[in-house]
Amino acid sequence: MKQFALMMNQFELPNDFPHQPPEEYKYEVRQHKRNILSIWLRHPDRYHYTSDPVYTIWGFVKYKTTKRSISHTYHSPINSNRVGGEVNVNETRPWTAMPLNLNPLEAVFYDL
């Protein structure tokens, strides 16, 4: 349990997170709830309408502790405040954890 508390205070991406941020972007991790972290994609600072940093929600990481181990699962966002369904992190993209809903023709042209 101490390891879990330490992990939650560091706010780092999990070791198995497979993506590198897109060029000029970076990932930031924040605590969403006690056992859930949110992953945010910070945009480059080149917008004319605001001087504040612009963020997009990538997704969520939900931690589960047992007596013997700590595990985590990735979840897509419904919006920036609501955790969606569990996703396979290897089927996500650097921009978002939202699953693609492709018809068969689109699936042929879009290479995951």
PDB file of N, CA and C in Angstrom:
ATOM      1  N   MET A   1       0.825  -1.202   0.000  1.00  0.00           N
ATOM      2  CA  MET A   1       0.000   0.000   0.000  1.00  0.00           C
ATOM      3  C   MET A   1       0.860   1.254   0.000  1.00  0.00           C
ATOM      4  N   LYS A   2       2.021   1.211   0.656  1.00  0.00           N
ATOM      5  CA  LYS A   2       2.897   2.372   0.659  1.00  0.00           C
ATOM      6  C   LYS A   2       3.387   2.685  -0.750  1.00  0.00           C
ATOM      7  N   GLN A   3       3.659   1.642  -1.521  1.00  0.00           N
ATOM      8  CA  GLN A   3       4.106   1.837  -2.882  1.00  0.00           C
ATOM      9  C   GLN A   3       3.016   2.521  -3.708  1.00  0.00           C
ATOM     10  N   PHE A   4       1.763   2.141  -3.489  1.00  0.00           N
ATOM     11  CA  PHE A   4       0.644   2.747  -4.201  1.00  0.00           C
ATOM     12  C   PHE A   4       0.538   4.228  -3.853  1.00  0.00           C
ATOM     13  N   ALA A   5       0.638   4.565  -2.588  1.00  0.00           N
ATOM     14  CA  ALA A   5       0.554   5.966  -2.165  1.00  0.00           C
ATOM     15  C   ALA A   5       1.706   6.773  -2.764  1.00  0.00           C
ATOM     16  N   LEU A   6       2.885   6.188  -2.801  1.00  0.00           N
ATOM     17  CA  LEU A   6       4.032   6.871  -3.371  1.00  0.00           C
ATOM     18  C   LEU A   6       3.819   7.093  -4.865  1.00  0.00           C
ATOM     19  N   MET A   7       3.289   6.089  -5.544  1.00  0.00           N
ATOM     20  CA  MET A   7       3.049   6.195  -6.964  1.00  0.00           C
ATOM     21  C   MET A   7       2.028   7.293  -7.260  1.00  0.00           C
ATOM     22  N   MET A   8       1.006   7.386  -6.454  1.00  0.00           N
ATOM     23  CA  MET A   8      -0.039   8.369  -6.686  1.00  0.00           C
ATOM     24  C   MET A   8       0.467   9.792  -6.451  1.00  0.00           C
ATOM     25  N   ASN A   9       1.445   9.998  -5.586  1.00  0.00           N
ATOM     26  CA  ASN A   9       1.957  11.328  -5.307  1.00  0.00           C
ATOM     27  C   ASN A   9       2.936  11.815  -6.370  1.00  0.00           C
ATOM     28  N   GLN A  10       3.504  10.910  -7.142  1.00  0.00           N
ATOM     29  CA  GLN A  10       4.481  11.307  -8.151  1.00  0.00           C
ATOM     30  C   GLN A  10       3.819  11.816  -9.428  1.00  0.00           C
ATOM     31  N   PHE A  11       2.652  11.332  -9.726  1.00  0.00           N
ATOM     32  CA  PHE A  11       1.917  11.745 -10.912  1.00  0.00           C
ATOM     33  C   PHE A  11       2.743  11.587 -12.179  1.00  0.00           C
ATOM     34  N   GLU A  12       3.203  10.386 -12.420  1.00  0.00           N
ATOM     35  CA  GLU A  12       3.962  10.064 -13.621  1.00  0.00           C
ATOM     36  C   GLU A  12       3.171   9.085 -14.470  1.00  0.00           C
ATOM     37  N   LEU A  13       3.498   9.066 -15.742  1.00  0.00           N
ATOM     38  CA  LEU A  13       2.882   8.088 -16.627  1.00  0.00           C
ATOM     39  C   LEU A  13       3.286   6.683 -16.207  1.00  0.00           C
ATOM     40  N   PRO A  14       2.398   5.714 -16.315  1.00  0.00           N
ATOM     41  CA  PRO A  14       2.780   4.332 -16.008  1.00  0.00           C
ATOM     42  C   PRO A  14       3.911   3.860 -16.928  1.00  0.00           C
ATOM     43  N   ASN A  15       4.695   2.917 -16.451  1.00  0.00           N
ATOM     44  CA  ASN A  15       5.837   2.420 -17.222  1.00  0.00           C
ATOM     45  C   ASN A  15       5.440   1.780 -18.536  1.00  0.00           C
ATOM     46  N   ASP A  16       4.255   1.217 -18.616  1.00  0.00           N
ATOM     47  CA  ASP A  16       3.848   0.544 -19.854  1.00  0.00           C
ATOM     48  C   ASP A  16       3.118   1.460 -20.831  1.00  0.00           C
ATOM     49  N   PHE A  17       3.092   2.752 -20.571  1.00  0.00           N
ATOM     50  CA  PHE A  17       2.444   3.701 -21.480  1.00  0.00           C
ATOM     51  C   PHE A  17       3.259   3.750 -22.772  1.00  0.00           C
ATOM     52  N   PRO A  18       2.673   3.354 -23.919  1.00  0.00           N
ATOM     53  CA  PRO A  18       3.475   3.137 -25.119  1.00  0.00           C
ATOM     54  C   PRO A  18       3.729   4.371 -25.987  1.00  0.00           C
ATOM     55  N   HIS A  19       3.068   5.474 -25.731  1.00  0.00           N
ATOM     56  CA  HIS A  19       3.124   6.605 -26.649  1.00  0.00           C
ATOM     57  C   HIS A  19       4.161   7.647 -26.252  1.00  0.00           C
ATOM     58  N   GLN A  20       4.697   8.292 -27.262  1.00  0.00           N
ATOM     59  CA  GLN A  20       5.472   9.513 -27.092  1.00  0.00           C
ATOM     60  C   GLN A  20       4.530  10.648 -27.495  1.00  0.00           C
ATOM     61  N   PRO A  21       4.617  11.796 -26.851  1.00  0.00           N
ATOM     62  CA  PRO A  21       3.703  12.877 -27.236  1.00  0.00           C
ATOM     63  C   PRO A  21       3.975  13.336 -28.666  1.00  0.00           C
ATOM     64  N   PRO A  22       2.940  13.810 -29.361  1.00  0.00           N
ATOM     65  CA  PRO A  22       3.152  14.366 -30.699  1.00  0.00           C
ATOM     66  C   PRO A  22       4.145  15.523 -30.637  1.00  0.00           C
ATOM     67  N   GLU A  23       4.716  15.863 -31.770  1.00  0.00           N
ATOM     68  CA  GLU A  23       5.737  16.902 -31.820  1.00  0.00           C
ATOM     69  C   GLU A  23       5.224  18.214 -31.215  1.00  0.00           C
ATOM     70  N   GLU A  24       6.012  18.795 -30.339  1.00  0.00           N
ATOM     71  CA  GLU A  24       5.745  20.046 -29.620  1.00  0.00           C
ATOM     72  C   GLU A  24       4.662  19.933 -28.545  1.00  0.00           C
ATOM     73  N   TYR A  25       4.116  18.753 -28.304  1.00  0.00           N
ATOM     74  CA  TYR A  25       3.136  18.527 -27.251  1.00  0.00           C
ATOM     75  C   TYR A  25       3.824  17.789 -26.108  1.00  0.00           C
ATOM     76  N   LYS A  26       3.162  17.725 -24.963  1.00  0.00           N
ATOM     77  CA  LYS A  26       3.683  16.903 -23.872  1.00  0.00           C
ATOM     78  C   LYS A  26       2.527  16.399 -23.020  1.00  0.00           C
ATOM     79  N   TYR A  27       2.775  15.289 -22.321  1.00  0.00           N
ATOM     80  CA  TYR A  27       1.771  14.708 -21.441  1.00  0.00           C
ATOM     81  C   TYR A  27       1.959  15.236 -20.032  1.00  0.00           C
ATOM     82  N   GLU A  28       0.836  15.487 -19.365  1.00  0.00           N
ATOM     83  CA  GLU A  28       0.848  15.840 -17.950  1.00  0.00           C
ATOM     84  C   GLU A  28      -0.140  14.940 -17.236  1.00  0.00           C
ATOM     85  N   VAL A  29       0.223  14.522 -16.047  1.00  0.00           N
ATOM     86  CA  VAL A  29      -0.605  13.599 -15.272  1.00  0.00           C
ATOM     87  C   VAL A  29      -1.087  14.313 -14.017  1.00  0.00           C
ATOM     88  N   ARG A  30      -2.386  14.193 -13.752  1.00  0.00           N
ATOM     89  CA  ARG A  30      -2.990  14.813 -12.559  1.00  0.00           C
ATOM     90  C   ARG A  30      -3.833  13.771 -11.835  1.00  0.00           C
ATOM     91  N   GLN A  31      -4.020  13.971 -10.558  1.00  0.00           N
ATOM     92  CA  GLN A  31      -4.897  13.087  -9.802  1.00  0.00           C
ATOM     93  C   GLN A  31      -6.339  13.482 -10.078  1.00  0.00           C
ATOM     94  N   HIS A  32      -7.135  12.500 -10.482  1.00  0.00           N
ATOM     95  CA  HIS A  32      -8.548  12.735 -10.761  1.00  0.00           C
ATOM     96  C   HIS A  32      -9.398  12.361  -9.549  1.00  0.00           C
ATOM     97  N   LYS A  33      -9.157  11.186  -9.029  1.00  0.00           N
ATOM     98  CA  LYS A  33      -9.773  10.706  -7.792  1.00  0.00           C
ATOM     99  C   LYS A  33      -8.700   9.948  -7.024  1.00  0.00           C
ATOM    100  N   ARG A  34      -9.074   9.378  -5.900  1.00  0.00           N
ATOM    101  CA  ARG A  34      -8.095   8.706  -5.056  1.00  0.00           C
ATOM    102  C   ARG A  34      -7.309   7.630  -5.813  1.00  0.00           C
ATOM    103  N   ASN A  35      -7.970   6.854  -6.643  1.00  0.00           N
ATOM    104  CA  ASN A  35      -7.310   5.757  -7.343  1.00  0.00           C
ATOM    105  C   ASN A  35      -7.285   5.942  -8.865  1.00  0.00           C
ATOM    106  N   ILE A  36      -7.559   7.157  -9.325  1.00  0.00           N
ATOM    107  CA  ILE A  36      -7.600   7.417 -10.765  1.00  0.00           C
ATOM    108  C   ILE A  36      -6.736   8.630 -11.096  1.00  0.00           C
ATOM    109  N   LEU A  37      -5.884   8.457 -12.097  1.00  0.00           N
ATOM    110  CA  LEU A  37      -5.101   9.562 -12.622  1.00  0.00           C
ATOM    111  C   LEU A  37      -5.656   9.950 -13.982  1.00  0.00           C
ATOM    112  N   SER A  38      -5.599  11.229 -14.314  1.00  0.00           N
ATOM    113  CA  SER A  38      -5.980  11.686 -15.642  1.00  0.00           C
ATOM    114  C   SER A  38      -4.713  12.055 -16.402  1.00  0.00           C
ATOM    115  N   ILE A  39      -4.691  11.714 -17.675  1.00  0.00           N
ATOM    116  CA  ILE A  39      -3.558  12.037 -18.541  1.00  0.00           C
ATOM    117  C   ILE A  39      -4.026  13.132 -19.491  1.00  0.00           C
ATOM    118  N   TRP A  40      -3.288  14.233 -19.500  1.00  0.00           N
ATOM    119  CA  TRP A  40      -3.642  15.391 -20.317  1.00  0.00           C
ATOM    120  C   TRP A  40      -2.565  15.623 -21.365  1.00  0.00           C
ATOM    121  N   LEU A  41      -2.991  16.055 -22.541  1.00  0.00           N
ATOM    122  CA  LEU A  41      -2.081  16.422 -23.609  1.00  0.00           C
ATOM    123  C   LEU A  41      -2.011  17.944 -23.643  1.00  0.00           C
ATOM    124  N   ARG A  42      -0.823  18.467 -23.327  1.00  0.00           N
ATOM    125  CA  ARG A  42      -0.657  19.930 -23.319  1.00  0.00           C
ATOM    126  C   ARG A  42      -0.233  20.381 -24.712  1.00  0.00           C
ATOM    127  N   HIS A  43      -0.974  21.354 -25.236  1.00  0.00           N
ATOM    128  CA  HIS A  43      -0.720  21.873 -26.573  1.00  0.00           C
ATOM    129  C   HIS A  43       0.441  22.858 -26.551  1.00  0.00           C
ATOM    130  N   PRO A  44       1.094  23.062 -27.698  1.00  0.00           N
ATOM    131  CA  PRO A  44       2.147  24.086 -27.749  1.00  0.00           C
ATOM    132  C   PRO A  44       1.545  25.472 -27.514  1.00  0.00           C
ATOM    133  N   ASP A  45       2.333  26.359 -26.998  1.00  0.00           N
ATOM    134  CA  ASP A  45       1.846  27.704 -26.664  1.00  0.00           C
ATOM    135  C   ASP A  45       1.890  28.610 -27.893  1.00  0.00           C
ATOM    136  N   ARG A  46       0.948  28.426 -28.792  1.00  0.00           N
ATOM    137  CA  ARG A  46       0.925  29.270 -29.986  1.00  0.00           C
ATOM    138  C   ARG A  46      -0.496  29.645 -30.403  1.00  0.00           C
ATOM    139  N   TYR A  47      -1.361  29.815 -29.445  1.00  0.00           N
ATOM    140  CA  TYR A  47      -2.732  30.219 -29.741  1.00  0.00           C
ATOM    141  C   TYR A  47      -2.877  31.711 -29.486  1.00  0.00           C
ATOM    142  N   HIS A  48      -3.604  32.384 -30.346  1.00  0.00           N
ATOM    143  CA  HIS A  48      -3.763  33.839 -30.239  1.00  0.00           C
ATOM    144  C   HIS A  48      -4.872  34.238 -29.277  1.00  0.00           C
ATOM    145  N   TYR A  49      -5.819  33.341 -29.044  1.00  0.00           N
ATOM    146  CA  TYR A  49      -6.985  33.714 -28.248  1.00  0.00           C
ATOM    147  C   TYR A  49      -6.773  33.571 -26.745  1.00  0.00           C
ATOM    148  N   THR A  50      -5.666  32.981 -26.332  1.00  0.00           N
ATOM    149  CA  THR A  50      -5.418  32.824 -24.901  1.00  0.00           C
ATOM    150  C   THR A  50      -3.927  32.762 -24.619  1.00  0.00           C
ATOM    151  N   SER A  51      -3.565  33.254 -23.455  1.00  0.00           N
ATOM    152  CA  SER A  51      -2.174  33.106 -23.017  1.00  0.00           C
ATOM    153  C   SER A  51      -2.044  31.948 -22.025  1.00  0.00           C
ATOM    154  N   ASP A  52      -3.189  31.372 -21.634  1.00  0.00           N
ATOM    155  CA  ASP A  52      -3.190  30.219 -20.733  1.00  0.00           C
ATOM    156  C   ASP A  52      -2.842  28.955 -21.511  1.00  0.00           C
ATOM    157  N   PRO A  53      -2.239  27.967 -20.846  1.00  0.00           N
ATOM    158  CA  PRO A  53      -1.957  26.707 -21.532  1.00  0.00           C
ATOM    159  C   PRO A  53      -3.256  26.011 -21.943  1.00  0.00           C
ATOM    160  N   VAL A  54      -3.229  25.355 -23.084  1.00  0.00           N
ATOM    161  CA  VAL A  54      -4.390  24.637 -23.600  1.00  0.00           C
ATOM    162  C   VAL A  54      -4.135  23.143 -23.435  1.00  0.00           C
ATOM    163  N   TYR A  55      -5.109  22.429 -22.859  1.00  0.00           N
ATOM    164  CA  TYR A  55      -4.995  21.003 -22.592  1.00  0.00           C
ATOM    165  C   TYR A  55      -6.148  20.244 -23.236  1.00  0.00           C
ATOM    166  N   THR A  56      -5.869  19.005 -23.607  1.00  0.00           N
ATOM    167  CA  THR A  56      -6.875  18.069 -24.080  1.00  0.00           C
ATOM    168  C   THR A  56      -6.765  16.816 -23.232  1.00  0.00           C
ATOM    169  N   ILE A  57      -7.888  16.264 -22.812  1.00  0.00           N
ATOM    170  CA  ILE A  57      -7.843  15.036 -22.019  1.00  0.00           C
ATOM    171  C   ILE A  57      -7.446  13.880 -22.938  1.00  0.00           C
ATOM    172  N   TRP A  58      -6.425  13.106 -22.550  1.00  0.00           N
ATOM    173  CA  TRP A  58      -6.061  11.905 -23.299  1.00  0.00           C
ATOM    174  C   TRP A  58      -6.894  10.730 -22.809  1.00  0.00           C
ATOM    175  N   GLY A  59      -6.918  10.539 -21.505  1.00  0.00           N
ATOM    176  CA  GLY A  59      -7.656   9.427 -20.925  1.00  0.00           C
ATOM    177  C   GLY A  59      -7.352   9.317 -19.439  1.00  0.00           C
ATOM    178  N   PHE A  60      -7.693   8.160 -18.874  1.00  0.00           N
ATOM    179  CA  PHE A  60      -7.549   7.942 -17.442  1.00  0.00           C
ATOM    180  C   PHE A  60      -6.828   6.622 -17.171  1.00  0.00           C
ATOM    181  N   VAL A  61      -6.173   6.559 -16.021  1.00  0.00           N
ATOM    182  CA  VAL A  61      -5.552   5.328 -15.548  1.00  0.00           C
ATOM    183  C   VAL A  61      -6.161   5.025 -14.185  1.00  0.00           C
ATOM    184  N   LYS A  62      -6.774   3.858 -14.073  1.00  0.00           N
ATOM    185  CA  LYS A  62      -7.417   3.455 -12.822  1.00  0.00           C
ATOM    186  C   LYS A  62      -6.546   2.395 -12.146  1.00  0.00           C
ATOM    187  N   TYR A  63      -6.169   2.648 -10.890  1.00  0.00           N
ATOM    188  CA  TYR A  63      -5.327   1.728 -10.126  1.00  0.00           C
ATOM    189  C   TYR A  63      -6.188   0.866  -9.213  1.00  0.00           C
ATOM    190  N   LYS A  64      -5.778  -0.388  -9.086  1.00  0.00           N
ATOM    191  CA  LYS A  64      -6.459  -1.327  -8.197  1.00  0.00           C
ATOM    192  C   LYS A  64      -5.393  -2.018  -7.356  1.00  0.00           C
ATOM    193  N   THR A  65      -5.600  -2.025  -6.052  1.00  0.00           N
ATOM    194  CA  THR A  65      -4.637  -2.680  -5.170  1.00  0.00           C
ATOM    195  C   THR A  65      -5.240  -3.944  -4.587  1.00  0.00           C
ATOM    196  N   THR A  66      -4.406  -4.943  -4.480  1.00  0.00           N
ATOM    197  CA  THR A  66      -4.759  -6.169  -3.781  1.00  0.00           C
ATOM    198  C   THR A  66      -3.704  -6.373  -2.709  1.00  0.00           C
ATOM    199  N   LYS A  67      -3.835  -7.435  -1.961  1.00  0.00           N
ATOM    200  CA  LYS A  67      -2.847  -7.693  -0.908  1.00  0.00           C
ATOM    201  C   LYS A  67      -1.462  -7.943  -1.482  1.00  0.00           C
ATOM    202  N   ARG A  68      -1.403  -8.434  -2.711  1.00  0.00           N
ATOM    203  CA  ARG A  68      -0.118  -8.832  -3.274  1.00  0.00           C
ATOM    204  C   ARG A  68       0.422  -7.910  -4.354  1.00  0.00           C
ATOM    205  N   SER A  69      -0.425  -7.116  -4.967  1.00  0.00           N
ATOM    206  CA  SER A  69       0.088  -6.326  -6.090  1.00  0.00           C
ATOM    207  C   SER A  69      -0.776  -5.090  -6.353  1.00  0.00           C
ATOM    208  N   ILE A  70      -0.249  -4.275  -7.245  1.00  0.00           N
ATOM    209  CA  ILE A  70      -0.953  -3.096  -7.729  1.00  0.00           C
ATOM    210  C   ILE A  70      -1.079  -3.257  -9.235  1.00  0.00           C
ATOM    211  N   SER A  71      -2.278  -3.091  -9.752  1.00  0.00           N
ATOM    212  CA  SER A  71      -2.468  -3.174 -11.192  1.00  0.00           C
ATOM    213  C   SER A  71      -3.192  -1.925 -11.654  1.00  0.00           C
ATOM    214  N   HIS A  72      -3.153  -1.688 -12.945  1.00  0.00           N
ATOM    215  CA  HIS A  72      -3.856  -0.527 -13.476  1.00  0.00           C
ATOM    216  C   HIS A  72      -4.453  -0.861 -14.838  1.00  0.00           C
ATOM    217  N   THR A  73      -5.487  -0.117 -15.178  1.00  0.00           N
ATOM    218  CA  THR A  73      -6.148  -0.239 -16.469  1.00  0.00           C
ATOM    219  C   THR A  73      -6.327   1.152 -17.047  1.00  0.00           C
ATOM    220  N   TYR A  74      -6.350   1.220 -18.370  1.00  0.00           N
ATOM    221  CA  TYR A  74      -6.543   2.480 -19.074  1.00  0.00           C
ATOM    222  C   TYR A  74      -8.009   2.613 -19.467  1.00  0.00           C
ATOM    223  N   HIS A  75      -8.507   3.837 -19.410  1.00  0.00           N
ATOM    224  CA  HIS A  75      -9.908   4.102 -19.723  1.00  0.00           C
ATOM    225  C   HIS A  75     -10.009   5.310 -20.637  1.00  0.00           C
ATOM    226  N   SER A  76     -10.946   5.234 -21.572  1.00  0.00           N
ATOM    227  CA  SER A  76     -11.188   6.378 -22.453  1.00  0.00           C
ATOM    228  C   SER A  76     -12.010   7.414 -21.691  1.00  0.00           C
ATOM    229  N   PRO A  77     -11.952   8.658 -22.111  1.00  0.00           N
ATOM    230  CA  PRO A  77     -12.775   9.686 -21.456  1.00  0.00           C
ATOM    231  C   PRO A  77     -14.152   9.794 -22.096  1.00  0.00           C
ATOM    232  N   ILE A  78     -15.161  10.016 -21.284  1.00  0.00           N
ATOM    233  CA  ILE A  78     -16.463  10.439 -21.804  1.00  0.00           C
ATOM    234  C   ILE A  78     -16.397  11.950 -22.012  1.00  0.00           C
ATOM    235  N   ASN A  79     -15.871  12.630 -21.023  1.00  0.00           N
ATOM    236  CA  ASN A  79     -15.483  14.036 -21.125  1.00  0.00           C
ATOM    237  C   ASN A  79     -14.334  14.215 -20.135  1.00  0.00           C
ATOM    238  N   SER A  80     -13.933  15.421 -19.858  1.00  0.00           N
ATOM    239  CA  SER A  80     -12.760  15.614 -18.999  1.00  0.00           C
ATOM    240  C   SER A  80     -13.011  15.253 -17.541  1.00  0.00           C
ATOM    241  N   ASN A  81     -14.277  15.046 -17.162  1.00  0.00           N
ATOM    242  CA  ASN A  81     -14.609  14.725 -15.780  1.00  0.00           C
ATOM    243  C   ASN A  81     -15.123  13.308 -15.574  1.00  0.00           C
ATOM    244  N   ARG A  82     -15.477  12.610 -16.649  1.00  0.00           N
ATOM    245  CA  ARG A  82     -16.084  11.281 -16.522  1.00  0.00           C
ATOM    246  C   ARG A  82     -15.224  10.220 -17.184  1.00  0.00           C
ATOM    247  N   VAL A  83     -14.988   9.152 -16.434  1.00  0.00           N
ATOM    248  CA  VAL A  83     -14.195   8.028 -16.918  1.00  0.00           C
ATOM    249  C   VAL A  83     -15.090   7.124 -17.758  1.00  0.00           C
ATOM    250  N   GLY A  84     -14.596   6.754 -18.935  1.00  0.00           N
ATOM    251  CA  GLY A  84     -15.351   5.885 -19.829  1.00  0.00           C
ATOM    252  C   GLY A  84     -14.946   4.425 -19.666  1.00  0.00           C
ATOM    253  N   GLY A  85     -15.156   3.677 -20.712  1.00  0.00           N
ATOM    254  CA  GLY A  85     -14.885   2.247 -20.690  1.00  0.00           C
ATOM    255  C   GLY A  85     -13.396   1.925 -20.762  1.00  0.00           C
ATOM    256  N   GLU A  86     -13.074   0.727 -20.323  1.00  0.00           N
ATOM    257  CA  GLU A  86     -11.692   0.259 -20.357  1.00  0.00           C
ATOM    258  C   GLU A  86     -11.254   0.058 -21.801  1.00  0.00           C
ATOM    259  N   VAL A  87     -10.002   0.435 -22.095  1.00  0.00           N
ATOM    260  CA  VAL A  87      -9.449   0.272 -23.440  1.00  0.00           C
ATOM    261  C   VAL A  87      -8.112  -0.446 -23.356  1.00  0.00           C
ATOM    262  N   ASN A  88      -7.752  -1.107 -24.441  1.00  0.00           N
ATOM    263  CA  ASN A  88      -6.421  -1.699 -24.565  1.00  0.00           C
ATOM    264  C   ASN A  88      -5.483  -0.574 -24.966  1.00  0.00           C
ATOM    265  N   VAL A  89      -4.488  -0.292 -24.156  1.00  0.00           N
ATOM    266  CA  VAL A  89      -3.610   0.850 -24.403  1.00  0.00           C
ATOM    267  C   VAL A  89      -2.862   0.707 -25.725  1.00  0.00           C
ATOM    268  N   ASN A  90      -2.659  -0.503 -26.192  1.00  0.00           N
ATOM    269  CA  ASN A  90      -1.966  -0.708 -27.463  1.00  0.00           C
ATOM    270  C   ASN A  90      -2.848  -0.373 -28.665  1.00  0.00           C
ATOM    271  N   GLU A  91      -4.133  -0.181 -28.448  1.00  0.00           N
ATOM    272  CA  GLU A  91      -5.044   0.197 -29.517  1.00  0.00           C
ATOM    273  C   GLU A  91      -5.416   1.676 -29.451  1.00  0.00           C
ATOM    274  N   THR A  92      -4.736   2.433 -28.615  1.00  0.00           N
ATOM    275  CA  THR A  92      -4.979   3.869 -28.504  1.00  0.00           C
ATOM    276  C   THR A  92      -3.978   4.614 -29.386  1.00  0.00           C
ATOM    277  N   ARG A  93      -4.154   5.916 -29.466  1.00  0.00           N
ATOM    278  CA  ARG A  93      -3.276   6.759 -30.268  1.00  0.00           C
ATOM    279  C   ARG A  93      -2.631   7.812 -29.380  1.00  0.00           C
ATOM    280  N   PRO A  94      -1.553   8.438 -29.824  1.00  0.00           N
ATOM    281  CA  PRO A  94      -0.909   9.468 -29.000  1.00  0.00           C
ATOM    282  C   PRO A  94      -1.818  10.650 -28.689  1.00  0.00           C
ATOM    283  N   TRP A  95      -2.833  10.885 -29.503  1.00  0.00           N
ATOM    284  CA  TRP A  95      -3.714  12.031 -29.300  1.00  0.00           C
ATOM    285  C   TRP A  95      -4.818  11.763 -28.293  1.00  0.00           C
ATOM    286  N   THR A  96      -5.315  10.522 -28.232  1.00  0.00           N
ATOM    287  CA  THR A  96      -6.454  10.229 -27.370  1.00  0.00           C
ATOM    288  C   THR A  96      -6.596   8.736 -27.133  1.00  0.00           C
ATOM    289  N   ALA A  97      -7.281   8.395 -26.041  1.00  0.00           N
ATOM    290  CA  ALA A  97      -7.599   7.001 -25.747  1.00  0.00           C
ATOM    291  C   ALA A  97      -8.978   6.633 -26.280  1.00  0.00           C
ATOM    292  N   MET A  98      -9.666   7.574 -26.918  1.00  0.00           N
ATOM    293  CA  MET A  98     -10.990   7.297 -27.467  1.00  0.00           C
ATOM    294  C   MET A  98     -10.876   6.245 -28.562  1.00  0.00           C
ATOM    295  N   PRO A  99     -11.709   5.207 -28.502  1.00  0.00           N
ATOM    296  CA  PRO A  99     -11.643   4.181 -29.547  1.00  0.00           C
ATOM    297  C   PRO A  99     -12.239   4.708 -30.854  1.00  0.00           C
ATOM    298  N   LEU A 100     -11.673   4.233 -31.952  1.00  0.00           N
ATOM    299  CA  LEU A 100     -12.200   4.609 -33.257  1.00  0.00           C
ATOM    300  C   LEU A 100     -13.402   3.735 -33.584  1.00  0.00           C
ATOM    301  N   ASN A 101     -14.434   4.350 -34.114  1.00  0.00           N
ATOM    302  CA  ASN A 101     -15.627   3.626 -34.529  1.00  0.00           C
ATOM    303  C   ASN A 101     -15.661   3.658 -36.058  1.00  0.00           C
ATOM    304  N   LEU A 102     -14.924   2.732 -36.678  1.00  0.00           N
ATOM    305  CA  LEU A 102     -14.759   2.734 -38.124  1.00  0.00           C
ATOM    306  C   LEU A 102     -15.689   1.735 -38.790  1.00  0.00           C
ATOM    307  N   ASN A 103     -16.233   2.133 -39.941  1.00  0.00           N
ATOM    308  CA  ASN A 103     -16.966   1.159 -40.737  1.00  0.00           C
ATOM    309  C   ASN A 103     -15.935   0.321 -41.496  1.00  0.00           C
ATOM    310  N   PRO A 104     -16.300  -0.778 -42.114  1.00  0.00           N
ATOM    311  CA  PRO A 104     -15.317  -1.662 -42.763  1.00  0.00           C
ATOM    312  C   PRO A 104     -14.473  -0.968 -43.835  1.00  0.00           C
ATOM    313  N   LEU A 105     -15.059  -0.064 -44.592  1.00  0.00           N
ATOM    314  CA  LEU A 105     -14.292   0.633 -45.620  1.00  0.00           C
ATOM    315  C   LEU A 105     -13.240   1.551 -45.000  1.00  0.00           C
ATOM    316  N   GLU A 106     -13.612   2.280 -43.957  1.00  0.00           N
ATOM    317  CA  GLU A 106     -12.658   3.154 -43.272  1.00  0.00           C
ATOM    318  C   GLU A 106     -11.543   2.334 -42.632  1.00  0.00           C
ATOM    319  N   ALA A 107     -11.874   1.175 -42.101  1.00  0.00           N
ATOM    320  CA  ALA A 107     -10.881   0.322 -41.456  1.00  0.00           C
ATOM    321  C   ALA A 107      -9.806  -0.133 -42.429  1.00  0.00           C
ATOM    322  N   VAL A 108     -10.167  -0.310 -43.694  1.00  0.00           N
ATOM    323  CA  VAL A 108      -9.186  -0.716 -44.708  1.00  0.00           C
ATOM    324  C   VAL A 108      -8.156   0.384 -44.924  1.00  0.00           C
ATOM    325  N   PHE A 109      -8.594   1.644 -44.918  1.00  0.00           N
ATOM    326  CA  PHE A 109      -7.706   2.756 -45.195  1.00  0.00           C
ATOM    327  C   PHE A 109      -6.997   3.325 -43.976  1.00  0.00           C
ATOM    328  N   TYR A 110      -7.510   3.039 -42.799  1.00  0.00           N
ATOM    329  CA  TYR A 110      -6.904   3.569 -41.580  1.00  0.00           C
ATOM    330  C   TYR A 110      -6.103   2.474 -40.915  1.00  0.00           C
ATOM    331  N   ASP A 111      -4.805   2.610 -40.886  1.00  0.00           N
ATOM    332  CA  ASP A 111      -3.941   1.572 -40.332  1.00  0.00           C
ATOM    333  C   ASP A 111      -3.706   1.832 -38.850  1.00  0.00           C
ATOM    334  N   LEU A 112      -4.174   0.924 -37.996  1.00  0.00           N
ATOM    335  CA  LEU A 112      -3.932   1.060 -36.557  1.00  0.00           C
ATOM    336  C   LEU A 112      -2.589   0.579 -36.279  1.00  0.00           C
TER     337      LEU A 112
END
